[in-house]
C-alpha atoms as a PDB file:
ATOM      1  CA  MET A   1     282.805 -89.218 104.209  1.00  0.00           C
ATOM      2  CA  ASP A   2     284.797 -92.003 102.455  1.00  0.00           C
ATOM      3  CA  SER A   3     287.551 -93.861 104.580  1.00  0.00           C
ATOM      4  CA  SER A   4     290.173 -92.802 101.834  1.00  0.00           C
ATOM      5  CA  SER A   5     290.266 -89.246 102.980  1.00  0.00           C
ATOM      6  CA  PHE A   6     291.767 -90.145 106.425  1.00  0.00           C
ATOM      7  CA  LYS A   7     294.977 -91.281 107.786  1.00  0.00           C
ATOM      8  CA  PRO A   8     294.780 -94.303 110.046  1.00  0.00           C
ATOM      9  CA  VAL A   9     296.530 -94.129 113.254  1.00  0.00           C
ATOM     10  CA  LEU A  10     296.494 -97.147 116.107  1.00  0.00           C
ATOM     11  CA  LEU A  11     296.956 -96.414 119.719  1.00  0.00           C
ATOM     12  CA  ALA A  12     299.010 -99.256 120.749  1.00  0.00           C
ATOM     13  CA  GLY A  13     298.715 -98.591 124.542  1.00  0.00           C
ATOM     14  CA  GLY A  14     301.223 -97.556 127.529  1.00  0.00           C
ATOM     15  CA  LYS A  15     301.939 -98.980 130.592  1.00  0.00           C
ATOM     16  CA  ALA A  16     298.660-101.159 131.180  1.00  0.00           C
ATOM     17  CA  THR A  17     298.825-100.857 135.107  1.00  0.00           C
ATOM     18  CA  ARG A  18     295.373-102.114 135.092  1.00  0.00           C
ATOM     19  CA  MET A  19     295.900-105.230 132.835  1.00  0.00           C
ATOM     20  CA  GLY A  20     299.179-106.132 134.424  1.00  0.00           C
ATOM     21  CA  GLU A  21     301.154-106.569 131.163  1.00  0.00           C
ATOM     22  CA  PRO A  22     300.964-105.083 127.554  1.00  0.00           C
ATOM     23  CA  LYS A  23     297.980-104.970 126.488  1.00  0.00           C
ATOM     24  CA  HIS A  24     298.297-104.830 122.587  1.00  0.00           C
ATOM     25  CA  LEU A  25     300.665-108.198 122.802  1.00  0.00           C
ATOM     26  CA  LEU A  26     297.672-110.137 124.257  1.00  0.00           C
ATOM     27  CA  SER A  27     296.777-113.134 121.944  1.00  0.00           C
ATOM     28  CA  MET A  28     293.225-113.185 120.522  1.00  0.00           C
ATOM     29  CA  GLY A  29     293.802-116.702 119.368  1.00  0.00           C
ATOM     30  CA  HIS A  30     293.761-117.909 115.673  1.00  0.00           C
ATOM     31  CA  GLY A  31     297.313-116.107 115.283  1.00  0.00           C
ATOM     32  CA  SER A  32     295.663-112.453 116.095  1.00  0.00           C
ATOM     33  CA  THR A  33     296.818-110.020 119.102  1.00  0.00           C
ATOM     34  CA  LEU A  34     295.089-107.090 120.405  1.00  0.00           C
ATOM     35  CA  LEU A  35     297.487-105.104 118.154  1.00  0.00           C
ATOM     36  CA  GLN A  36     297.125-106.954 115.071  1.00  0.00           C
ATOM     37  CA  HIS A  37     293.226-107.198 115.221  1.00  0.00           C
ATOM     38  CA  PRO A  38     292.663-103.269 114.834  1.00  0.00           C
ATOM     39  CA  PHE A  39     295.927-103.242 112.486  1.00  0.00           C
ATOM     40  CA  ASP A  40     294.394-105.239 110.217  1.00  0.00           C
ATOM     41  CA  LEU A  41     290.998-103.300 110.304  1.00  0.00           C
ATOM     42  CA  LEU A  42     292.840-100.040 109.566  1.00  0.00           C
ATOM     43  CA  HIS A  43     294.560-101.602 106.559  1.00  0.00           C
ATOM     44  CA  GLU A  44     291.148-102.979 105.260  1.00  0.00           C
ATOM     45  CA  VAL A  45     289.579 -99.815 105.314  1.00  0.00           C
ATOM     46  CA  CYS A  46     292.464 -97.470 104.463  1.00  0.00           C
ATOM     47  CA  PRO A  47     294.187 -99.796 101.929  1.00  0.00           C
ATOM     48  CA  SER A  48     296.120 -96.839 100.295  1.00  0.00           C
ATOM     49  CA  GLU A  49     297.479 -95.357 103.345  1.00  0.00           C
ATOM     50  CA  LYS A  50     300.403 -96.952 105.896  1.00  0.00           C
ATOM     51  CA  VAL A  51     298.797 -97.553 109.502  1.00  0.00           C
ATOM     52  CA  TYR A  52     300.697 -95.372 111.875  1.00  0.00           C
ATOM     53  CA  ILE A  53     301.027 -97.144 115.108  1.00  0.00           C
ATOM     54  CA  SER A  54     301.481 -94.817 118.110  1.00  0.00           C
ATOM     55  CA  LEU A  55     303.511 -96.164 121.115  1.00  0.00           C
ATOM     56  CA  ALA A  56     304.622 -95.082 124.245  1.00  0.00           C
ATOM     57  CA  GLN A  57     308.349 -94.810 124.394  1.00  0.00           C
ATOM     58  CA  GLU A  58     308.527 -97.103 127.180  1.00  0.00           C
ATOM     59  CA  SER A  59     306.428 -99.645 125.317  1.00  0.00           C
ATOM     60  CA  PRO A  60     307.975-102.854 124.434  1.00  0.00           C
ATOM     61  CA  PRO A  61     308.425-103.891 120.932  1.00  0.00           C
ATOM     62  CA  ALA A  62     305.290-104.369 119.010  1.00  0.00           C
ATOM     63  CA  PRO A  63     305.460-107.333 116.545  1.00  0.00           C
ATOM     64  CA  LEU A  64     303.255-107.399 113.480  1.00  0.00           C
ATOM     65  CA  LEU A  65     301.947-110.709 111.964  1.00  0.00           C
ATOM     66  CA  GLY A  66     301.259-111.971 108.194  1.00  0.00           C
ATOM     67  CA  GLY A  67     304.518-110.098 106.675  1.00  0.00           C
ATOM     68  CA  ARG A  68     302.616-106.438 106.690  1.00  0.00           C
ATOM     69  CA  LYS A  69     305.227-104.293 108.297  1.00  0.00           C
ATOM     70  CA  ASP A  70     305.548-102.368 104.965  1.00  0.00           C
ATOM     71  CA  ALA A  71     302.338-101.326 105.489  1.00  0.00           C
ATOM     72  CA  ALA A  72     302.960 -99.737 109.187  1.00  0.00           C
ATOM     73  CA  LYS A  73     304.663 -96.565 110.313  1.00  0.00           C
ATOM     74  CA  PHE A  74     305.706 -96.650 113.901  1.00  0.00           C
ATOM     75  CA  ILE A  75     305.661 -93.129 115.703  1.00  0.00           C
ATOM     76  CA  TYR A  76     306.276 -92.363 119.685  1.00  0.00           C
ATOM     77  CA  ASP A  77     305.180 -90.096 122.329  1.00  0.00           C
ATOM     78  CA  SER A  78     307.375 -86.739 122.378  1.00  0.00           C
ATOM     79  CA  GLU A  79     308.281 -87.367 125.797  1.00  0.00           C
ATOM     80  CA  PRO A  80     309.296 -90.482 127.794  1.00  0.00           C
ATOM     81  CA  ASN A  81     306.894 -91.260 130.807  1.00  0.00           C
ATOM     82  CA  ASP A  82     309.162 -91.963 134.087  1.00  0.00           C
ATOM     83  CA  SER A  83     305.745 -92.325 136.254  1.00  0.00           C
ATOM     84  CA  SER A  84     303.919 -95.514 137.246  1.00  0.00           C
ATOM     85  CA  GLU A  85     300.963 -94.258 135.537  1.00  0.00           C
ATOM     86  CA  SER A  86     300.450 -94.213 131.794  1.00  0.00           C
ATOM     87  CA  ALA A  87     300.119 -91.131 129.891  1.00  0.00           C
ATOM     88  CA  GLY A  88     297.005 -91.466 128.349  1.00  0.00           C
ATOM     89  CA  PRO A  89     295.762 -91.973 124.971  1.00  0.00           C
ATOM     90  CA  ALA A  90     296.051 -88.206 124.462  1.00  0.00           C
ATOM     91  CA  ALA A  91     299.908 -88.319 123.992  1.00  0.00           C
ATOM     92  CA  GLY A  92     299.425 -91.000 121.339  1.00  0.00           C
ATOM     93  CA  ILE A  93     296.978 -88.912 119.202  1.00  0.00           C
ATOM     94  CA  ILE A  94     299.048 -85.980 119.746  1.00  0.00           C
ATOM     95  CA  ALA A  95     301.987 -87.869 118.377  1.00  0.00           C
ATOM     96  CA  ALA A  96     299.909 -88.642 115.303  1.00  0.00           C
ATOM     97  CA  HIS A  97     299.030 -84.977 114.748  1.00  0.00           C
ATOM     98  CA  ARG A  98     302.764 -84.089 115.021  1.00  0.00           C
ATOM     99  CA  ALA A  99     303.644 -86.495 112.361  1.00  0.00           C
ATOM    100  CA  ASP A 100     301.078 -84.654 110.031  1.00  0.00           C
ATOM    101  CA  PRO A 101     299.365 -81.745 111.318  1.00  0.00           C
ATOM    102  CA  GLY A 102     297.198 -81.453 108.270  1.00  0.00           C
ATOM    103  CA  ALA A 103     295.843 -84.921 108.216  1.00  0.00           C
ATOM    104  CA  VAL A 104     292.412 -85.860 109.371  1.00  0.00           C
ATOM    105  CA  TRP A 105     293.141 -88.971 111.551  1.00  0.00           C
ATOM    106  CA  LEU A 106     290.704 -92.141 111.647  1.00  0.00           C
ATOM    107  CA  VAL A 107     291.964 -92.842 115.559  1.00  0.00           C
ATOM    108  CA  VAL A 108     291.264 -96.471 116.785  1.00  0.00           C
ATOM    109  CA  ALA A 109     292.933 -97.891 120.163  1.00  0.00           C
ATOM    110  CA  CYS A 110     293.683-101.427 120.840  1.00  0.00           C
ATOM    111  CA  ASP A 111     291.287-101.685 123.542  1.00  0.00           C
ATOM    112  CA  TYR A 112     288.705-102.984 121.168  1.00  0.00           C
ATOM    113  CA  PRO A 113     288.721-106.388 120.475  1.00  0.00           C
ATOM    114  CA  LEU A 114     285.282-106.570 118.834  1.00  0.00           C
ATOM    115  CA  LEU A 115     285.536-103.851 116.791  1.00  0.00           C
ATOM    116  CA  THR A 116     284.791-104.863 112.899  1.00  0.00           C
ATOM    117  CA  THR A 117     285.796-102.827 109.530  1.00  0.00           C
ATOM    118  CA  GLU A 118     281.917-102.079 109.834  1.00  0.00           C
ATOM    119  CA  ALA A 119     282.297-100.313 112.625  1.00  0.00           C
ATOM    120  CA  LEU A 120     285.069 -98.214 111.402  1.00  0.00           C
ATOM    121  CA  ARG A 121     283.336 -97.347 107.898  1.00  0.00           C
ATOM    122  CA  TYR A 122     280.547 -96.404 110.005  1.00  0.00           C
ATOM    123  CA  VAL A 123     282.145 -93.628 112.071  1.00  0.00           C
ATOM    124  CA  CYS A 124     284.001 -92.621 108.901  1.00  0.00           C
ATOM    125  CA  GLU A 125     280.600 -92.132 106.977  1.00  0.00           C
ATOM    126  CA  ALA A 126     279.204 -90.265 109.839  1.00  0.00           C
ATOM    127  CA  TYR A 127     282.084 -87.912 109.994  1.00  0.00           C
ATOM    128  CA  SER A 128     281.326 -84.153 110.674  1.00  0.00           C
ATOM    129  CA  SER A 129     284.143 -81.752 111.494  1.00  0.00           C
ATOM    130  CA  PRO A 130     285.908 -81.089 113.817  1.00  0.00           C
ATOM    131  CA  VAL A 131     285.400 -84.466 115.328  1.00  0.00           C
ATOM    132  CA  THR A 132     283.120 -87.484 115.284  1.00  0.00           C
ATOM    133  CA  CYS A 133     283.368 -90.633 117.426  1.00  0.00           C
ATOM    134  CA  PHE A 134     281.153 -93.373 118.917  1.00  0.00           C
ATOM    135  CA  ARG A 135     278.980 -92.682 121.902  1.00  0.00           C
ATOM    136  CA  ASN A 136     278.380 -96.163 123.949  1.00  0.00           C
ATOM    137  CA  THR A 137     275.143 -97.677 125.451  1.00  0.00           C
ATOM    138  CA  THR A 138     275.500 -95.505 128.422  1.00  0.00           C
ATOM    139  CA  GLY A 139     275.763 -92.265 126.546  1.00  0.00           C
ATOM    140  CA  TYR A 140     279.391 -91.945 127.175  1.00  0.00           C
ATOM    141  CA  CYS A 141     281.293 -90.588 124.046  1.00  0.00           C
ATOM    142  CA  GLU A 142     284.165 -93.076 122.892  1.00  0.00           C
ATOM    143  CA  PRO A 143     286.972 -90.660 121.368  1.00  0.00           C
ATOM    144  CA  LEU A 144     289.347 -93.624 120.923  1.00  0.00           C
ATOM    145  CA  VAL A 145     287.296 -95.003 117.832  1.00  0.00           C
ATOM    146  CA  GLY A 146     286.513 -91.906 115.809  1.00  0.00           C
ATOM    147  CA  VAL A 147     287.607 -89.234 113.245  1.00  0.00           C
ATOM    148  CA  CYS A 148     289.751 -86.049 114.334  1.00  0.00           C
ATOM    149  CA  SER A 149     290.255 -82.830 112.314  1.00  0.00           C
ATOM    150  CA  PRO A 150     293.485 -80.870 112.581  1.00  0.00           C
ATOM    151  CA  LEU A 151     291.191 -78.492 114.514  1.00  0.00           C
ATOM    152  CA  ALA A 152     290.198 -80.834 117.215  1.00  0.00           C
ATOM    153  CA  LEU A 153     293.708 -82.010 117.602  1.00  0.00           C
ATOM    154  CA  GLU A 154     294.972 -78.924 118.262  1.00  0.00           C
ATOM    155  CA  ALA A 155     292.617 -78.117 120.687  1.00  0.00           C
ATOM    156  CA  LEU A 156     293.629 -81.392 122.289  1.00  0.00           C
ATOM    157  CA  GLU A 157     297.362 -80.497 122.173  1.00  0.00           C
ATOM    158  CA  LYS A 158     296.228 -76.975 124.065  1.00  0.00           C
ATOM    159  CA  GLU A 159     294.493 -79.001 126.525  1.00  0.00           C
ATOM    160  CA  VAL A 160     297.344 -81.182 127.568  1.00  0.00           C
ATOM    161  CA  ALA A 161     299.690 -78.355 127.515  1.00  0.00           C
ATOM    162  CA  ASN A 162     297.071 -76.945 130.469  1.00  0.00           C
ATOM    163  CA  GLY A 163     297.379 -80.262 132.594  1.00  0.00           C
ATOM    164  CA  ALA A 164     294.280 -81.857 131.050  1.00  0.00           C
ATOM    165  CA  ARG A 165     294.397 -85.266 129.140  1.00  0.00           C
ATOM    166  CA  SER A 166     290.959 -86.182 128.297  1.00  0.00           C
ATOM    167  CA  PRO A 167     290.108 -86.685 124.501  1.00  0.00           C
ATOM    168  CA  ALA A 168     286.445 -87.233 125.494  1.00  0.00           C
ATOM    169  CA  ALA A 169     286.586 -83.223 127.319  1.00  0.00           C
ATOM    170  CA  VAL A 170     287.646 -81.967 123.819  1.00  0.00           C
ATOM    171  CA  VAL A 171     284.740 -83.461 121.888  1.00  0.00           C
ATOM    172  CA  LYS A 172     282.607 -82.062 124.433  1.00  0.00           C
ATOM    173  CA  LYS A 173     284.125 -78.695 124.461  1.00  0.00           C
ATOM    174  CA  LEU A 174     283.933 -78.518 120.464  1.00  0.00           C
ATOM    175  CA  ASP A 175     280.305 -79.741 120.337  1.00  0.00           C
ATOM    176  CA  GLY A 176     281.678 -82.909 118.268  1.00  0.00           C
ATOM    177  CA  ARG A 177     279.353 -85.319 116.744  1.00  0.00           C
ATOM    178  CA  THR A 178     278.707 -88.631 118.485  1.00  0.00           C
ATOM    179  CA  VAL A 179     276.995 -91.826 117.024  1.00  0.00           C
ATOM    180  CA  SER A 180     275.613 -94.754 118.408  1.00  0.00           C
ATOM    181  CA  PRO A 181     276.261 -98.044 117.100  1.00  0.00           C
ATOM    182  CA  PRO A 182     273.634 -99.865 115.055  1.00  0.00           C
ATOM    183  CA  LEU A 183     271.022-101.973 117.169  1.00  0.00           C
ATOM    184  CA  GLY A 184     272.640-105.310 117.618  1.00  0.00           C
ATOM    185  CA  CYS A 185     276.204-103.753 117.367  1.00  0.00           C
ATOM    186  CA  GLU A 186     276.852-102.675 120.867  1.00  0.00           C
ATOM    187  CA  ASN A 187     279.640-105.031 121.444  1.00  0.00           C
ATOM    188  CA  TRP A 188     281.564-103.348 118.848  1.00  0.00           C
ATOM    189  CA  LEU A 189     282.730-100.559 121.696  1.00  0.00           C
ATOM    190  CA  PHE A 190     283.395-103.287 124.389  1.00  0.00           C
ATOM    191  CA  ASN A 191     286.558-102.371 125.756  1.00  0.00           C
ATOM    192  CA  VAL A 192     289.544-104.313 127.768  1.00  0.00           C
ATOM    193  CA  ASN A 193     291.338-102.612 130.599  1.00  0.00           C
ATOM    194  CA  THR A 194     291.371-105.585 133.337  1.00  0.00           C
ATOM    195  CA  LYS A 195     291.942-109.297 133.476  1.00  0.00           C
ATOM    196  CA  ASN A 196     288.163-109.775 134.055  1.00  0.00           C
ATOM    197  CA  ASP A 197     287.462-107.380 130.762  1.00  0.00           C
ATOM    198  CA  TRP A 198     289.602-109.751 128.847  1.00  0.00           C
ATOM    199  CA  ARG A 199     288.165-112.895 129.728  1.00  0.00           C
ATOM    200  CA  ARG A 200     284.856-111.700 129.131  1.00  0.00           C
ATOM    201  CA  ALA A 201     285.969-110.548 125.591  1.00  0.00           C
ATOM    202  CA  LEU A 202     287.334-113.834 124.727  1.00  0.00           C
ATOM    203  CA  GLU A 203     284.051-115.292 125.623  1.00  0.00           C
ATOM    204  CA  LEU A 204     282.275-112.906 123.300  1.00  0.00           C
ATOM    205  CA  LEU A 205     284.941-113.353 120.558  1.00  0.00           C
ATOM    206  CA  GLU A 206     284.398-117.162 120.676  1.00  0.00           C
ATOM    207  CA  ALA A 207     280.719-116.766 120.659  1.00  0.00           C
ATOM    208  CA  ARG A 208     280.815-114.569 117.747  1.00  0.00           C
ATOM    209  CA  ARG A 209     283.168-117.200 115.767  1.00  0.00           C
ATOM    210  CA  ASN A 210     280.563-119.834 116.574  1.00  0.00           C
ATOM    211  CA  GLU A 211     277.828-117.750 115.050  1.00  0.00           C
ATOM    212  CA  ASP A 212     279.909-117.016 112.131  1.00  0.00           C
ATOM    213  CA  ILE A 213     280.679-120.773 111.426  1.00  0.00           C
ATOM    214  CA  SER A 214     276.883-121.666 111.827  1.00  0.00           C
ATOM    215  CA  ALA A 215     276.038-119.075 109.258  1.00  0.00           C
ATOM    216  CA  ARG A 216     278.378-119.962 106.804  1.00  0.00           C
ATOM    217  CA  GLN A 217     277.369-123.767 107.173  1.00  0.00           C
ATOM    218  CA  LEU A 218     273.727-122.703 106.770  1.00  0.00           C
ATOM    219  CA  HIS A 219     274.318-120.825 103.607  1.00  0.00           C
ATOM    220  CA  ARG A 220     276.629-123.603 102.166  1.00  0.00           C
ATOM    221  CA  HIS A 221     273.701-125.815 102.946  1.00  0.00           C
ATOM    222  CA  PRO A 222     270.283-124.333 103.233  1.00  0.00           C
ATOM    223  CA  SER A 223     268.525-127.508 103.729  1.00  0.00           C
ATOM    224  CA  LEU A 224     270.129-127.517 107.648  1.00  0.00           C
ATOM    225  CA  GLY A 225     267.853-124.682 108.320  1.00  0.00           C
ATOM    226  CA  TYR A 226     264.851-126.333 107.080  1.00  0.00           C
ATOM    227  CA  SER A 227     265.697-129.571 108.692  1.00  0.00           C
ATOM    228  CA  VAL A 228     266.103-127.605 112.099  1.00  0.00           C
ATOM    229  CA  ALA A 229     263.003-125.939 111.827  1.00  0.00           C
ATOM    230  CA  ASN A 230     261.065-129.069 111.163  1.00  0.00           C
ATOM    231  CA  ASP A 231     263.069-130.715 114.445  1.00  0.00           C
ATOM    232  CA  MET A 232     261.339-127.805 116.260  1.00  0.00           C
ATOM    233  CA  LEU A 233     257.793-128.481 115.301  1.00  0.00           C
END
């Protein structure tokens, strides 16, 4: 299904107890943050829609770069969280559902620094109601990069009311569709929760940037590839 059929929501995170600092404010370098990066992706994939940014009430401000505040709409969890633990992503997803109960939501969390527009278009095209999300290499579903219908979000709201907070459990209960990334794109789903995760993510990002630079140079100067090939003979 075309991504223009969906409303985008970015889950900007809660207490980030494992990271030790607000996750969405982490710098990815080159003028981007762990909030800005998925915001830009969602804005590109759903250009006619405002990107809803879902925050916990206790979250610090979420500055957007590049003068795009007019393309964003901030929403907040319905209840403050006074505990030391995060309320989890379900609260943010439900906040989006309550903002527009009839919408089908393209849901993305700020946990995925290697996510791309291709990844989002891939899961949008794969969408089948009531819910579709990625499945990682271990077989575990990744409901925080997926598309959720009103039916799925109503089910999630009921689960939360009954004391459960797992979006993945709702995907399983509804027999939702899960899709694996294409071969070679498994890093789309690399997520960060700890400092070690974040260090590894920065390494992977730098490697990707270097590959992109090499590819652009080769495209502009095809003879470079011929020279390298001859050097290897």
